[in-house]
Protein backbone atom coordinates (compact mmCIF):
# COMPACT_ATOMS: atom_id res chain seq x y z
CA UNK A 1 100.33 133.81 71.24
CA UNK A 2 99.05 130.36 71.08
CA UNK A 3 96.12 129.27 68.90
CA UNK A 4 95.66 125.92 70.61
CA UNK A 5 91.97 126.64 71.55
CA UNK A 6 89.60 128.11 69.18
CA UNK A 7 89.35 131.92 69.35
CA UNK A 8 87.29 134.45 67.49
CA UNK A 9 89.05 136.80 65.16
CA UNK A 10 87.96 139.60 67.44
CA UNK A 11 89.64 138.08 70.44
CA UNK A 12 92.80 137.07 68.64
CA UNK A 13 93.24 140.47 67.10
CA UNK A 14 92.76 142.20 70.41
CA UNK A 15 95.28 139.84 72.05
CA UNK A 16 97.73 140.52 69.27
CA UNK A 17 97.24 144.37 69.79
CA UNK A 18 97.71 144.12 73.49
CA UNK A 19 100.71 141.84 73.37
CA UNK A 20 102.37 144.40 71.09
CA UNK A 21 101.20 147.25 73.25
CA UNK A 22 99.46 148.89 70.16
CA UNK A 23 96.92 151.56 70.44
CA UNK A 24 93.94 151.23 67.91
CA UNK A 25 95.75 153.74 65.72
CA UNK A 26 99.05 151.89 65.89
CA UNK A 27 97.42 148.63 65.19
CA UNK A 28 95.64 150.08 62.27
CA UNK A 29 98.84 151.38 60.91
CA UNK A 30 100.69 148.11 61.46
CA UNK A 31 97.98 146.14 59.65
CA UNK A 32 97.57 148.74 56.89
CA UNK A 33 93.89 149.34 57.83
CA UNK A 34 91.86 152.23 59.02
CA UNK A 35 91.09 152.64 62.68
CA UNK A 36 87.23 152.08 62.11
CA UNK A 37 88.10 148.81 60.40
CA UNK A 38 90.08 147.74 63.54
CA UNK A 39 87.28 148.73 65.73
CA UNK A 40 84.69 146.65 63.66
CA UNK A 41 87.05 143.56 63.81
CA UNK A 42 87.40 143.90 67.55
CA UNK A 43 83.61 144.25 67.91
CA UNK A 44 83.27 140.97 66.08
CA UNK A 45 82.25 141.95 62.60
CA UNK A 46 83.54 139.94 59.70
CA UNK A 47 86.05 142.15 57.84
CA UNK A 48 86.18 142.84 54.13
CA UNK A 49 88.36 140.45 52.23
CA UNK A 50 91.14 142.91 51.88
CA UNK A 51 91.27 143.51 55.55
CA UNK A 52 90.95 139.88 56.32
CA UNK A 53 94.10 139.37 54.21
CA UNK A 54 95.79 142.13 56.14
CA UNK A 55 94.93 140.61 59.46
CA UNK A 56 96.35 137.20 58.11
CA UNK A 57 99.55 139.00 57.35
CA UNK A 58 99.96 140.38 60.71
CA UNK A 59 99.43 136.85 62.08
CA UNK A 60 101.92 135.53 59.58
CA UNK A 61 99.31 133.31 58.04
CA UNK A 62 99.47 131.86 54.51
CA UNK A 63 97.01 132.58 51.85
CA UNK A 64 96.03 129.02 51.26
CA UNK A 65 92.38 128.42 51.65
CA UNK A 66 91.06 125.05 52.83
CA UNK A 67 87.48 123.92 52.98
CA UNK A 68 86.33 121.26 55.41
CA UNK A 69 83.45 118.90 54.54
């Protein structure tokens, strides 16, 4: 998956799930989250910090936080 253009977390997560042919339940298991948490993310809600960290892990993102001025 390419992140060249800006995407919402919801769209990126949905694409990741579809590319891996995961059902909601399988995606939740792979990300170590509940199915309702996956549903909320795909609906555009901002996840709790612990779930955001789990999403970052499935995208192989680092834990480094940067702030832009």
